[in-house]
Amino acid sequence: AKIMKERFHAQNEKSMWLKFSTGGMGGGMTEQQPLNNISRISFYALAAALAGSRSMNLPCFDEAYAIPTDEAIRTSLRIQQIIAHEIGIPDVVDPLGGSYYVESLTDQGRIQA
């Protein structure tokens, strides 16, 4: 937002919003011990939610070796629902706001841009 306002003189507030969605990650799934892929998917989804992703397309835990089963599809959906409704990350604007580490990375990125 700061770069858009200062460098490009943006006036419209919507032009300063960062909207993105996440997807993919199917290449990170392993055929061996496919249930461990549930943890991989969960961490990926958590990271995407903490980063502010507006939507995500998660792979299924059995996608490395088969067309996803109904159980695998349901599991990926439940991961998203747990993050949204039980953990409550989407309930706040910036869940990592105030984190010294994250704020310093943001400042570095702004300086490099």
PDB file of N, CA and C in Angstrom:
ATOM      1  N   ALA A   1       0.826  -1.175   0.000  1.00  0.00           N
ATOM      2  CA  ALA A   1       0.000   0.000   0.000  1.00  0.00           C
ATOM      3  C   ALA A   1       0.881   1.253   0.000  1.00  0.00           C
ATOM      4  N   LYS A   2       1.919   1.206   0.808  1.00  0.00           N
ATOM      5  CA  LYS A   2       2.799   2.372   0.910  1.00  0.00           C
ATOM      6  C   LYS A   2       3.492   2.656  -0.422  1.00  0.00           C
ATOM      7  N   ILE A   3       3.965   1.621  -1.090  1.00  0.00           N
ATOM      8  CA  ILE A   3       4.623   1.797  -2.390  1.00  0.00           C
ATOM      9  C   ILE A   3       3.629   2.347  -3.412  1.00  0.00           C
ATOM     10  N   MET A   4       2.426   1.797  -3.435  1.00  0.00           N
ATOM     11  CA  MET A   4       1.416   2.271  -4.388  1.00  0.00           C
ATOM     12  C   MET A   4       1.107   3.747  -4.156  1.00  0.00           C
ATOM     13  N   LYS A   5       1.021   4.135  -2.895  1.00  0.00           N
ATOM     14  CA  LYS A   5       0.672   5.517  -2.575  1.00  0.00           C
ATOM     15  C   LYS A   5       1.829   6.469  -2.861  1.00  0.00           C
ATOM     16  N   GLU A   6       3.034   6.116  -2.415  1.00  0.00           N
ATOM     17  CA  GLU A   6       4.167   7.031  -2.530  1.00  0.00           C
ATOM     18  C   GLU A   6       4.791   7.038  -3.924  1.00  0.00           C
ATOM     19  N   ARG A   7       5.015   5.875  -4.504  1.00  0.00           N
ATOM     20  CA  ARG A   7       5.699   5.822  -5.793  1.00  0.00           C
ATOM     21  C   ARG A   7       4.758   6.083  -6.963  1.00  0.00           C
ATOM     22  N   PHE A   8       3.561   5.507  -6.885  1.00  0.00           N
ATOM     23  CA  PHE A   8       2.640   5.610  -8.012  1.00  0.00           C
ATOM     24  C   PHE A   8       1.511   6.608  -7.775  1.00  0.00           C
ATOM     25  N   HIS A   9       1.509   7.250  -6.614  1.00  0.00           N
ATOM     26  CA  HIS A   9       0.527   8.286  -6.270  1.00  0.00           C
ATOM     27  C   HIS A   9      -0.907   7.781  -6.401  1.00  0.00           C
ATOM     28  N   ALA A  10      -1.142   6.576  -5.953  1.00  0.00           N
ATOM     29  CA  ALA A  10      -2.486   5.994  -6.017  1.00  0.00           C
ATOM     30  C   ALA A  10      -3.432   6.799  -5.133  1.00  0.00           C
ATOM     31  N   GLN A  11      -4.615   7.046  -5.641  1.00  0.00           N
ATOM     32  CA  GLN A  11      -5.636   7.798  -4.907  1.00  0.00           C
ATOM     33  C   GLN A  11      -6.758   6.883  -4.413  1.00  0.00           C
ATOM     34  N   ASN A  12      -7.078   5.894  -5.218  1.00  0.00           N
ATOM     35  CA  ASN A  12      -8.169   4.982  -4.892  1.00  0.00           C
ATOM     36  C   ASN A  12      -7.678   3.951  -3.875  1.00  0.00           C
ATOM     37  N   GLU A  13      -8.362   3.861  -2.751  1.00  0.00           N
ATOM     38  CA  GLU A  13      -7.956   2.937  -1.692  1.00  0.00           C
ATOM     39  C   GLU A  13      -7.903   1.487  -2.175  1.00  0.00           C
ATOM     40  N   LYS A  14      -8.814   1.115  -3.052  1.00  0.00           N
ATOM     41  CA  LYS A  14      -8.843  -0.266  -3.544  1.00  0.00           C
ATOM     42  C   LYS A  14      -7.600  -0.621  -4.348  1.00  0.00           C
ATOM     43  N   SER A  15      -6.979   0.371  -4.977  1.00  0.00           N
ATOM     44  CA  SER A  15      -5.768   0.079  -5.748  1.00  0.00           C
ATOM     45  C   SER A  15      -4.577  -0.209  -4.840  1.00  0.00           C
ATOM     46  N   MET A  16      -4.727   0.043  -3.552  1.00  0.00           N
ATOM     47  CA  MET A  16      -3.650  -0.222  -2.598  1.00  0.00           C
ATOM     48  C   MET A  16      -3.829  -1.562  -1.884  1.00  0.00           C
ATOM     49  N   TRP A  17      -4.908  -2.246  -2.158  1.00  0.00           N
ATOM     50  CA  TRP A  17      -5.144  -3.549  -1.549  1.00  0.00           C
ATOM     51  C   TRP A  17      -4.315  -4.609  -2.251  1.00  0.00           C
ATOM     52  N   LEU A  18      -3.864  -5.581  -1.492  1.00  0.00           N
ATOM     53  CA  LEU A  18      -3.187  -6.737  -2.079  1.00  0.00           C
ATOM     54  C   LEU A  18      -4.150  -7.915  -1.995  1.00  0.00           C
ATOM     55  N   LYS A  19      -4.599  -8.372  -3.135  1.00  0.00           N
ATOM     56  CA  LYS A  19      -5.511  -9.517  -3.180  1.00  0.00           C
ATOM     57  C   LYS A  19      -4.803 -10.644  -3.904  1.00  0.00           C
ATOM     58  N   PHE A  20      -4.759 -11.795  -3.288  1.00  0.00           N
ATOM     59  CA  PHE A  20      -4.143 -12.936  -3.958  1.00  0.00           C
ATOM     60  C   PHE A  20      -4.775 -14.221  -3.469  1.00  0.00           C
ATOM     61  N   SER A  21      -4.657 -15.235  -4.289  1.00  0.00           N
ATOM     62  CA  SER A  21      -5.126 -16.561  -3.901  1.00  0.00           C
ATOM     63  C   SER A  21      -3.949 -17.517  -4.037  1.00  0.00           C
ATOM     64  N   THR A  22      -4.051 -18.629  -3.368  1.00  0.00           N
ATOM     65  CA  THR A  22      -2.970 -19.607  -3.394  1.00  0.00           C
ATOM     66  C   THR A  22      -3.502 -20.934  -3.907  1.00  0.00           C
ATOM     67  N   GLY A  23      -2.621 -21.678  -4.512  1.00  0.00           N
ATOM     68  CA  GLY A  23      -3.028 -22.972  -5.033  1.00  0.00           C
ATOM     69  C   GLY A  23      -1.819 -23.776  -5.444  1.00  0.00           C
ATOM     70  N   GLY A  24      -2.082 -24.971  -5.823  1.00  0.00           N
ATOM     71  CA  GLY A  24      -0.985 -25.824  -6.264  1.00  0.00           C
ATOM     72  C   GLY A  24      -0.449 -26.664  -5.133  1.00  0.00           C
ATOM     73  N   MET A  25       0.845 -26.776  -5.056  1.00  0.00           N
ATOM     74  CA  MET A  25       1.564 -27.530  -4.048  1.00  0.00           C
ATOM     75  C   MET A  25       1.437 -29.021  -4.247  1.00  0.00           C
ATOM     76  N   GLY A  26       0.786 -29.458  -5.293  1.00  0.00           N
ATOM     77  CA  GLY A  26       0.645 -30.885  -5.545  1.00  0.00           C
ATOM     78  C   GLY A  26       1.976 -31.593  -5.694  1.00  0.00           C
ATOM     79  N   GLY A  27       2.983 -30.882  -6.175  1.00  0.00           N
ATOM     80  CA  GLY A  27       4.311 -31.471  -6.333  1.00  0.00           C
ATOM     81  C   GLY A  27       4.991 -31.782  -5.016  1.00  0.00           C
ATOM     82  N   GLY A  28       4.490 -31.215  -3.935  1.00  0.00           N
ATOM     83  CA  GLY A  28       5.070 -31.465  -2.620  1.00  0.00           C
ATOM     84  C   GLY A  28       4.510 -32.699  -1.930  1.00  0.00           C
ATOM     85  N   MET A  29       3.547 -33.347  -2.558  1.00  0.00           N
ATOM     86  CA  MET A  29       2.944 -34.543  -1.974  1.00  0.00           C
ATOM     87  C   MET A  29       3.818 -35.758  -2.267  1.00  0.00           C
ATOM     88  N   THR A  30       3.860 -36.685  -1.325  1.00  0.00           N
ATOM     89  CA  THR A  30       4.644 -37.901  -1.530  1.00  0.00           C
ATOM     90  C   THR A  30       3.729 -39.112  -1.613  1.00  0.00           C
ATOM     91  N   GLU A  31       4.148 -40.068  -2.392  1.00  0.00           N
ATOM     92  CA  GLU A  31       3.379 -41.301  -2.540  1.00  0.00           C
ATOM     93  C   GLU A  31       3.550 -42.192  -1.312  1.00  0.00           C
ATOM     94  N   GLN A  32       4.745 -42.179  -0.732  1.00  0.00           N
ATOM     95  CA  GLN A  32       5.001 -42.980   0.457  1.00  0.00           C
ATOM     96  C   GLN A  32       4.365 -42.272   1.659  1.00  0.00           C
ATOM     97  N   GLN A  33       3.717 -43.008   2.490  1.00  0.00           N
ATOM     98  CA  GLN A  33       3.060 -42.496   3.690  1.00  0.00           C
ATOM     99  C   GLN A  33       2.167 -41.291   3.366  1.00  0.00           C
ATOM    100  N   PRO A  34       1.154 -41.505   2.554  1.00  0.00           N
ATOM    101  CA  PRO A  34       0.332 -40.388   2.082  1.00  0.00           C
ATOM    102  C   PRO A  34      -0.404 -39.626   3.184  1.00  0.00           C
ATOM    103  N   LEU A  35      -0.641 -40.265   4.325  1.00  0.00           N
ATOM    104  CA  LEU A  35      -1.329 -39.540   5.397  1.00  0.00           C
ATOM    105  C   LEU A  35      -0.478 -38.397   5.947  1.00  0.00           C
ATOM    106  N   ASN A  36       0.852 -38.489   5.786  1.00  0.00           N
ATOM    107  CA  ASN A  36       1.708 -37.370   6.184  1.00  0.00           C
ATOM    108  C   ASN A  36       1.461 -36.150   5.306  1.00  0.00           C
ATOM    109  N   ASN A  37       0.915 -36.371   4.124  1.00  0.00           N
ATOM    110  CA  ASN A  37       0.586 -35.248   3.250  1.00  0.00           C
ATOM    111  C   ASN A  37      -0.471 -34.343   3.876  1.00  0.00           C
ATOM    112  N   ILE A  38      -1.299 -34.885   4.763  1.00  0.00           N
ATOM    113  CA  ILE A  38      -2.306 -34.068   5.447  1.00  0.00           C
ATOM    114  C   ILE A  38      -1.611 -32.980   6.257  1.00  0.00           C
ATOM    115  N   SER A  39      -0.519 -33.325   6.933  1.00  0.00           N
ATOM    116  CA  SER A  39       0.240 -32.313   7.681  1.00  0.00           C
ATOM    117  C   SER A  39       0.837 -31.281   6.738  1.00  0.00           C
ATOM    118  N   ARG A  40       1.394 -31.739   5.639  1.00  0.00           N
ATOM    119  CA  ARG A  40       1.977 -30.807   4.665  1.00  0.00           C
ATOM    120  C   ARG A  40       0.916 -29.825   4.158  1.00  0.00           C
ATOM    121  N   ILE A  41      -0.232 -30.349   3.816  1.00  0.00           N
ATOM    122  CA  ILE A  41      -1.320 -29.510   3.310  1.00  0.00           C
ATOM    123  C   ILE A  41      -1.772 -28.524   4.386  1.00  0.00           C
ATOM    124  N   SER A  42      -1.863 -28.995   5.624  1.00  0.00           N
ATOM    125  CA  SER A  42      -2.310 -28.133   6.719  1.00  0.00           C
ATOM    126  C   SER A  42      -1.349 -26.977   6.948  1.00  0.00           C
ATOM    127  N   PHE A  43      -0.047 -27.260   6.952  1.00  0.00           N
ATOM    128  CA  PHE A  43       0.939 -26.189   7.141  1.00  0.00           C
ATOM    129  C   PHE A  43       0.898 -25.198   5.977  1.00  0.00           C
ATOM    130  N   TYR A  44       0.749 -25.709   4.778  1.00  0.00           N
ATOM    131  CA  TYR A  44       0.644 -24.851   3.595  1.00  0.00           C
ATOM    132  C   TYR A  44      -0.576 -23.940   3.723  1.00  0.00           C
ATOM    133  N   ALA A  45      -1.705 -24.507   4.108  1.00  0.00           N
ATOM    134  CA  ALA A  45      -2.934 -23.732   4.243  1.00  0.00           C
ATOM    135  C   ALA A  45      -2.816 -22.704   5.360  1.00  0.00           C
ATOM    136  N   LEU A  46      -2.205 -23.086   6.473  1.00  0.00           N
ATOM    137  CA  LEU A  46      -2.015 -22.153   7.580  1.00  0.00           C
ATOM    138  C   LEU A  46      -1.137 -20.982   7.153  1.00  0.00           C
ATOM    139  N   ALA A  47      -0.043 -21.278   6.463  1.00  0.00           N
ATOM    140  CA  ALA A  47       0.850 -20.220   5.980  1.00  0.00           C
ATOM    141  C   ALA A  47       0.113 -19.292   5.014  1.00  0.00           C
ATOM    142  N   ALA A  48      -0.679 -19.870   4.123  1.00  0.00           N
ATOM    143  CA  ALA A  48      -1.434 -19.054   3.168  1.00  0.00           C
ATOM    144  C   ALA A  48      -2.431 -18.155   3.888  1.00  0.00           C
ATOM    145  N   ALA A  49      -3.111 -18.696   4.892  1.00  0.00           N
ATOM    146  CA  ALA A  49      -4.082 -17.901   5.640  1.00  0.00           C
ATOM    147  C   ALA A  49      -3.394 -16.789   6.426  1.00  0.00           C
ATOM    148  N   LEU A  50      -2.271 -17.101   7.062  1.00  0.00           N
ATOM    149  CA  LEU A  50      -1.538 -16.078   7.812  1.00  0.00           C
ATOM    150  C   LEU A  50      -1.017 -14.979   6.892  1.00  0.00           C
ATOM    151  N   ALA A  51      -0.706 -15.333   5.658  1.00  0.00           N
ATOM    152  CA  ALA A  51      -0.213 -14.348   4.690  1.00  0.00           C
ATOM    153  C   ALA A  51      -1.344 -13.494   4.120  1.00  0.00           C
ATOM    154  N   GLY A  52      -2.584 -13.894   4.369  1.00  0.00           N
ATOM    155  CA  GLY A  52      -3.717 -13.104   3.908  1.00  0.00           C
ATOM    156  C   GLY A  52      -4.347 -13.568   2.614  1.00  0.00           C
ATOM    157  N   SER A  53      -4.105 -14.802   2.228  1.00  0.00           N
ATOM    158  CA  SER A  53      -4.694 -15.328   0.997  1.00  0.00           C
ATOM    159  C   SER A  53      -6.215 -15.255   1.076  1.00  0.00           C
ATOM    160  N   ARG A  54      -6.826 -14.738   0.035  1.00  0.00           N
ATOM    161  CA  ARG A  54      -8.280 -14.597   0.021  1.00  0.00           C
ATOM    162  C   ARG A  54      -8.976 -15.905  -0.336  1.00  0.00           C
ATOM    163  N   SER A  55      -8.279 -16.773  -1.027  1.00  0.00           N
ATOM    164  CA  SER A  55      -8.823 -18.089  -1.341  1.00  0.00           C
ATOM    165  C   SER A  55      -7.663 -19.046  -1.563  1.00  0.00           C
ATOM    166  N   MET A  56      -7.933 -20.320  -1.382  1.00  0.00           N
ATOM    167  CA  MET A  56      -6.875 -21.305  -1.587  1.00  0.00           C
ATOM    168  C   MET A  56      -7.439 -22.551  -2.245  1.00  0.00           C
ATOM    169  N   ASN A  57      -6.608 -23.157  -3.052  1.00  0.00           N
ATOM    170  CA  ASN A  57      -6.950 -24.398  -3.728  1.00  0.00           C
ATOM    171  C   ASN A  57      -5.966 -25.448  -3.218  1.00  0.00           C
ATOM    172  N   LEU A  58      -6.412 -26.248  -2.278  1.00  0.00           N
ATOM    173  CA  LEU A  58      -5.521 -27.227  -1.654  1.00  0.00           C
ATOM    174  C   LEU A  58      -5.523 -28.549  -2.411  1.00  0.00           C
ATOM    175  N   PRO A  59      -4.370 -29.187  -2.468  1.00  0.00           N
ATOM    176  CA  PRO A  59      -4.328 -30.526  -3.057  1.00  0.00           C
ATOM    177  C   PRO A  59      -4.915 -31.539  -2.077  1.00  0.00           C
ATOM    178  N   CYS A  60      -5.113 -32.745  -2.536  1.00  0.00           N
ATOM    179  CA  CYS A  60      -5.595 -33.833  -1.687  1.00  0.00           C
ATOM    180  C   CYS A  60      -4.427 -34.733  -1.307  1.00  0.00           C
ATOM    181  N   PHE A  61      -4.538 -35.389  -0.156  1.00  0.00           N
ATOM    182  CA  PHE A  61      -3.399 -36.155   0.352  1.00  0.00           C
ATOM    183  C   PHE A  61      -3.018 -37.344  -0.525  1.00  0.00           C
ATOM    184  N   ASP A  62      -3.933 -37.816  -1.353  1.00  0.00           N
ATOM    185  CA  ASP A  62      -3.617 -38.963  -2.211  1.00  0.00           C
ATOM    186  C   ASP A  62      -3.341 -38.558  -3.661  1.00  0.00           C
ATOM    187  N   GLU A  63      -3.202 -37.283  -3.898  1.00  0.00           N
ATOM    188  CA  GLU A  63      -3.032 -36.766  -5.254  1.00  0.00           C
ATOM    189  C   GLU A  63      -1.704 -37.174  -5.896  1.00  0.00           C
ATOM    190  N   ALA A  64      -0.732 -37.579  -5.090  1.00  0.00           N
ATOM    191  CA  ALA A  64       0.581 -37.954  -5.632  1.00  0.00           C
ATOM    192  C   ALA A  64       0.524 -39.251  -6.431  1.00  0.00           C
ATOM    193  N   TYR A  65      -0.493 -40.070  -6.195  1.00  0.00           N
ATOM    194  CA  TYR A  65      -0.512 -41.379  -6.852  1.00  0.00           C
ATOM    195  C   TYR A  65      -1.877 -41.789  -7.392  1.00  0.00           C
ATOM    196  N   ALA A  66      -2.893 -40.951  -7.248  1.00  0.00           N
ATOM    197  CA  ALA A  66      -4.224 -41.367  -7.697  1.00  0.00           C
ATOM    198  C   ALA A  66      -5.110 -40.152  -7.931  1.00  0.00           C
ATOM    199  N   ILE A  67      -6.221 -40.394  -8.593  1.00  0.00           N
ATOM    200  CA  ILE A  67      -7.260 -39.373  -8.654  1.00  0.00           C
ATOM    201  C   ILE A  67      -7.815 -39.271  -7.239  1.00  0.00           C
ATOM    202  N   PRO A  68      -7.956 -38.070  -6.704  1.00  0.00           N
ATOM    203  CA  PRO A  68      -8.379 -37.934  -5.306  1.00  0.00           C
ATOM    204  C   PRO A  68      -9.680 -38.672  -4.993  1.00  0.00           C
ATOM    205  N   THR A  69      -9.671 -39.333  -3.856  1.00  0.00           N
ATOM    206  CA  THR A  69     -10.866 -40.027  -3.371  1.00  0.00           C
ATOM    207  C   THR A  69     -11.787 -39.021  -2.689  1.00  0.00           C
ATOM    208  N   ASP A  70     -13.017 -39.431  -2.454  1.00  0.00           N
ATOM    209  CA  ASP A  70     -13.960 -38.562  -1.747  1.00  0.00           C
ATOM    210  C   ASP A  70     -13.430 -38.203  -0.361  1.00  0.00           C
ATOM    211  N   GLU A  71     -12.816 -39.174   0.311  1.00  0.00           N
ATOM    212  CA  GLU A  71     -12.266 -38.917   1.646  1.00  0.00           C
ATOM    213  C   GLU A  71     -11.162 -37.860   1.590  1.00  0.00           C
ATOM    214  N   ALA A  72     -10.297 -37.944   0.605  1.00  0.00           N
ATOM    215  CA  ALA A  72      -9.200 -36.984   0.476  1.00  0.00           C
ATOM    216  C   ALA A  72      -9.731 -35.589   0.152  1.00  0.00           C
ATOM    217  N   ILE A  73     -10.729 -35.517  -0.696  1.00  0.00           N
ATOM    218  CA  ILE A  73     -11.340 -34.227  -1.038  1.00  0.00           C
ATOM    219  C   ILE A  73     -11.976 -33.606   0.201  1.00  0.00           C
ATOM    220  N   ARG A  74     -12.706 -34.419   0.949  1.00  0.00           N
ATOM    221  CA  ARG A  74     -13.359 -33.951   2.165  1.00  0.00           C
ATOM    222  C   ARG A  74     -12.327 -33.476   3.192  1.00  0.00           C
ATOM    223  N   THR A  75     -11.208 -34.191   3.294  1.00  0.00           N
ATOM    224  CA  THR A  75     -10.154 -33.819   4.239  1.00  0.00           C
ATOM    225  C   THR A  75      -9.572 -32.450   3.890  1.00  0.00           C
ATOM    226  N   SER A  76      -9.314 -32.197   2.618  1.00  0.00           N
ATOM    227  CA  SER A  76      -8.790 -30.890   2.208  1.00  0.00           C
ATOM    228  C   SER A  76      -9.791 -29.776   2.503  1.00  0.00           C
ATOM    229  N   LEU A  77     -11.053 -30.047   2.278  1.00  0.00           N
ATOM    230  CA  LEU A  77     -12.089 -29.069   2.593  1.00  0.00           C
ATOM    231  C   LEU A  77     -12.136 -28.800   4.095  1.00  0.00           C
ATOM    232  N   ARG A  78     -12.060 -29.858   4.903  1.00  0.00           N
ATOM    233  CA  ARG A  78     -12.110 -29.694   6.364  1.00  0.00           C
ATOM    234  C   ARG A  78     -10.911 -28.903   6.885  1.00  0.00           C
ATOM    235  N   ILE A  79      -9.750 -29.068   6.267  1.00  0.00           N
ATOM    236  CA  ILE A  79      -8.574 -28.281   6.667  1.00  0.00           C
ATOM    237  C   ILE A  79      -8.890 -26.794   6.517  1.00  0.00           C
ATOM    238  N   GLN A  80      -9.469 -26.418   5.392  1.00  0.00           N
ATOM    239  CA  GLN A  80      -9.825 -25.013   5.176  1.00  0.00           C
ATOM    240  C   GLN A  80     -10.864 -24.542   6.188  1.00  0.00           C
ATOM    241  N   GLN A  81     -11.838 -25.386   6.478  1.00  0.00           N
ATOM    242  CA  GLN A  81     -12.889 -25.003   7.416  1.00  0.00           C
ATOM    243  C   GLN A  81     -12.350 -24.856   8.835  1.00  0.00           C
ATOM    244  N   ILE A  82     -11.439 -25.719   9.228  1.00  0.00           N
ATOM    245  CA  ILE A  82     -10.835 -25.612  10.559  1.00  0.00           C
ATOM    246  C   ILE A  82     -10.080 -24.296  10.686  1.00  0.00           C
ATOM    247  N   ILE A  83      -9.291 -23.960   9.677  1.00  0.00           N
ATOM    248  CA  ILE A  83      -8.532 -22.706   9.718  1.00  0.00           C
ATOM    249  C   ILE A  83      -9.477 -21.508   9.760  1.00  0.00           C
ATOM    250  N   ALA A  84     -10.534 -21.551   8.977  1.00  0.00           N
ATOM    251  CA  ALA A  84     -11.453 -20.416   8.909  1.00  0.00           C
ATOM    252  C   ALA A  84     -12.345 -20.287  10.132  1.00  0.00           C
ATOM    253  N   HIS A  85     -12.854 -21.397  10.644  1.00  0.00           N
ATOM    254  CA  HIS A  85     -13.890 -21.317  11.666  1.00  0.00           C
ATOM    255  C   HIS A  85     -13.451 -21.715  13.070  1.00  0.00           C
ATOM    256  N   GLU A  86     -12.421 -22.514  13.199  1.00  0.00           N
ATOM    257  CA  GLU A  86     -11.991 -22.941  14.526  1.00  0.00           C
ATOM    258  C   GLU A  86     -10.777 -22.167  15.013  1.00  0.00           C
ATOM    259  N   ILE A  87      -9.845 -21.891  14.123  1.00  0.00           N
ATOM    260  CA  ILE A  87      -8.662 -21.131  14.520  1.00  0.00           C
ATOM    261  C   ILE A  87      -8.959 -19.639  14.467  1.00  0.00           C
ATOM    262  N   GLY A  88      -9.769 -19.208  13.525  1.00  0.00           N
ATOM    263  CA  GLY A  88     -10.211 -17.819  13.470  1.00  0.00           C
ATOM    264  C   GLY A  88      -9.255 -16.845  12.810  1.00  0.00           C
ATOM    265  N   ILE A  89      -8.332 -17.327  12.014  1.00  0.00           N
ATOM    266  CA  ILE A  89      -7.380 -16.428  11.350  1.00  0.00           C
ATOM    267  C   ILE A  89      -8.095 -15.368  10.503  1.00  0.00           C
ATOM    268  N   PRO A  90      -9.142 -15.716   9.750  1.00  0.00           N
ATOM    269  CA  PRO A  90      -9.788 -14.685   8.925  1.00  0.00           C
ATOM    270  C   PRO A  90     -10.553 -13.630   9.730  1.00  0.00           C
ATOM    271  N   ASP A  91     -10.661 -13.809  11.043  1.00  0.00           N
ATOM    272  CA  ASP A  91     -11.406 -12.860  11.864  1.00  0.00           C
ATOM    273  C   ASP A  91     -10.642 -11.570  12.131  1.00  0.00           C
ATOM    274  N   VAL A  92      -9.366 -11.549  11.815  1.00  0.00           N
ATOM    275  CA  VAL A  92      -8.562 -10.343  12.038  1.00  0.00           C
ATOM    276  C   VAL A  92      -7.943  -9.896  10.716  1.00  0.00           C
ATOM    277  N   VAL A  93      -7.659  -8.610  10.620  1.00  0.00           N
ATOM    278  CA  VAL A  93      -7.117  -8.056   9.379  1.00  0.00           C
ATOM    279  C   VAL A  93      -5.700  -8.535   9.129  1.00  0.00           C
ATOM    280  N   ASP A  94      -4.861  -8.493  10.158  1.00  0.00           N
ATOM    281  CA  ASP A  94      -3.447  -8.841   9.998  1.00  0.00           C
ATOM    282  C   ASP A  94      -3.026  -9.737  11.160  1.00  0.00           C
ATOM    283  N   PRO A  95      -3.204 -11.058  11.022  1.00  0.00           N
ATOM    284  CA  PRO A  95      -2.921 -11.950  12.152  1.00  0.00           C
ATOM    285  C   PRO A  95      -1.465 -11.943  12.606  1.00  0.00           C
ATOM    286  N   LEU A  96      -0.553 -11.540  11.750  1.00  0.00           N
ATOM    287  CA  LEU A  96       0.858 -11.482  12.138  1.00  0.00           C
ATOM    288  C   LEU A  96       1.301 -10.058  12.456  1.00  0.00           C
ATOM    289  N   GLY A  97       0.373  -9.120  12.489  1.00  0.00           N
ATOM    290  CA  GLY A  97       0.699  -7.724  12.781  1.00  0.00           C
ATOM    291  C   GLY A  97       1.354  -7.604  14.152  1.00  0.00           C
ATOM    292  N   GLY A  98       2.399  -6.813  14.228  1.00  0.00           N
ATOM    293  CA  GLY A  98       3.107  -6.629  15.490  1.00  0.00           C
ATOM    294  C   GLY A  98       4.255  -7.594  15.680  1.00  0.00           C
ATOM    295  N   SER A  99       4.362  -8.589  14.828  1.00  0.00           N
ATOM    296  CA  SER A  99       5.478  -9.520  14.918  1.00  0.00           C
ATOM    297  C   SER A  99       6.729  -8.807  14.421  1.00  0.00           C
ATOM    298  N   TYR A 100       7.723  -8.685  15.278  1.00  0.00           N
ATOM    299  CA  TYR A 100       8.948  -7.975  14.904  1.00  0.00           C
ATOM    300  C   TYR A 100       9.562  -8.588  13.656  1.00  0.00           C
ATOM    301  N   TYR A 101       9.654  -9.906  13.626  1.00  0.00           N
ATOM    302  CA  TYR A 101      10.289 -10.586  12.498  1.00  0.00           C
ATOM    303  C   TYR A 101       9.544 -10.317  11.193  1.00  0.00           C
ATOM    304  N   VAL A 102       8.231 -10.475  11.224  1.00  0.00           N
ATOM    305  CA  VAL A 102       7.439 -10.279  10.009  1.00  0.00           C
ATOM    306  C   VAL A 102       7.487  -8.817   9.571  1.00  0.00           C
ATOM    307  N   GLU A 103       7.399  -7.905  10.521  1.00  0.00           N
ATOM    308  CA  GLU A 103       7.452  -6.484  10.176  1.00  0.00           C
ATOM    309  C   GLU A 103       8.804  -6.108   9.576  1.00  0.00           C
ATOM    310  N   SER A 104       9.890  -6.698  10.087  1.00  0.00           N
ATOM    311  CA  SER A 104      11.213  -6.386   9.529  1.00  0.00           C
ATOM    312  C   SER A 104      11.348  -6.944   8.109  1.00  0.00           C
ATOM    313  N   LEU A 105      10.786  -8.116   7.857  1.00  0.00           N
ATOM    314  CA  LEU A 105      10.796  -8.657   6.492  1.00  0.00           C
ATOM    315  C   LEU A 105       9.989  -7.769   5.545  1.00  0.00           C
ATOM    316  N   THR A 106       8.870  -7.259   6.036  1.00  0.00           N
ATOM    317  CA  THR A 106       8.049  -6.357   5.230  1.00  0.00           C
ATOM    318  C   THR A 106       8.824  -5.095   4.890  1.00  0.00           C
ATOM    319  N   ASP A 107       9.506  -4.534   5.883  1.00  0.00           N
ATOM    320  CA  ASP A 107      10.306  -3.329   5.643  1.00  0.00           C
ATOM    321  C   ASP A 107      11.418  -3.593   4.638  1.00  0.00           C
ATOM    322  N   GLN A 108      12.076  -4.740   4.744  1.00  0.00           N
ATOM    323  CA  GLN A 108      13.143  -5.086   3.797  1.00  0.00           C
ATOM    324  C   GLN A 108      12.595  -5.186   2.375  1.00  0.00           C
ATOM    325  N   GLY A 109      11.450  -5.803   2.240  1.00  0.00           N
ATOM    326  CA  GLY A 109      10.837  -5.943   0.921  1.00  0.00           C
ATOM    327  C   GLY A 109      10.464  -4.600   0.334  1.00  0.00           C
ATOM    328  N   ARG A 110       9.978  -3.704   1.179  1.00  0.00           N
ATOM    329  CA  ARG A 110       9.596  -2.377   0.708  1.00  0.00           C
ATOM    330  C   ARG A 110      10.830  -1.593   0.267  1.00  0.00           C
ATOM    331  N   ILE A 111      11.924  -1.712   1.009  1.00  0.00           N
ATOM    332  CA  ILE A 111      13.168  -1.018   0.661  1.00  0.00           C
ATOM    333  C   ILE A 111      13.715  -1.544  -0.656  1.00  0.00           C
ATOM    334  N   GLN A 112      13.675  -2.862  -0.852  1.00  0.00           N
ATOM    335  CA  GLN A 112      14.208  -3.469  -2.069  1.00  0.00           C
ATOM    336  C   GLN A 112      13.348  -3.167  -3.289  1.00  0.00           C
ATOM    337  N   ALA A 113      12.066  -2.930  -3.063  1.00  0.00           N
ATOM    338  CA  ALA A 113      11.170  -2.638  -4.193  1.00  0.00           C
ATOM    339  C   ALA A 113      11.470  -1.261  -4.672  1.00  0.00           C
TER     340      ALA A 113
END
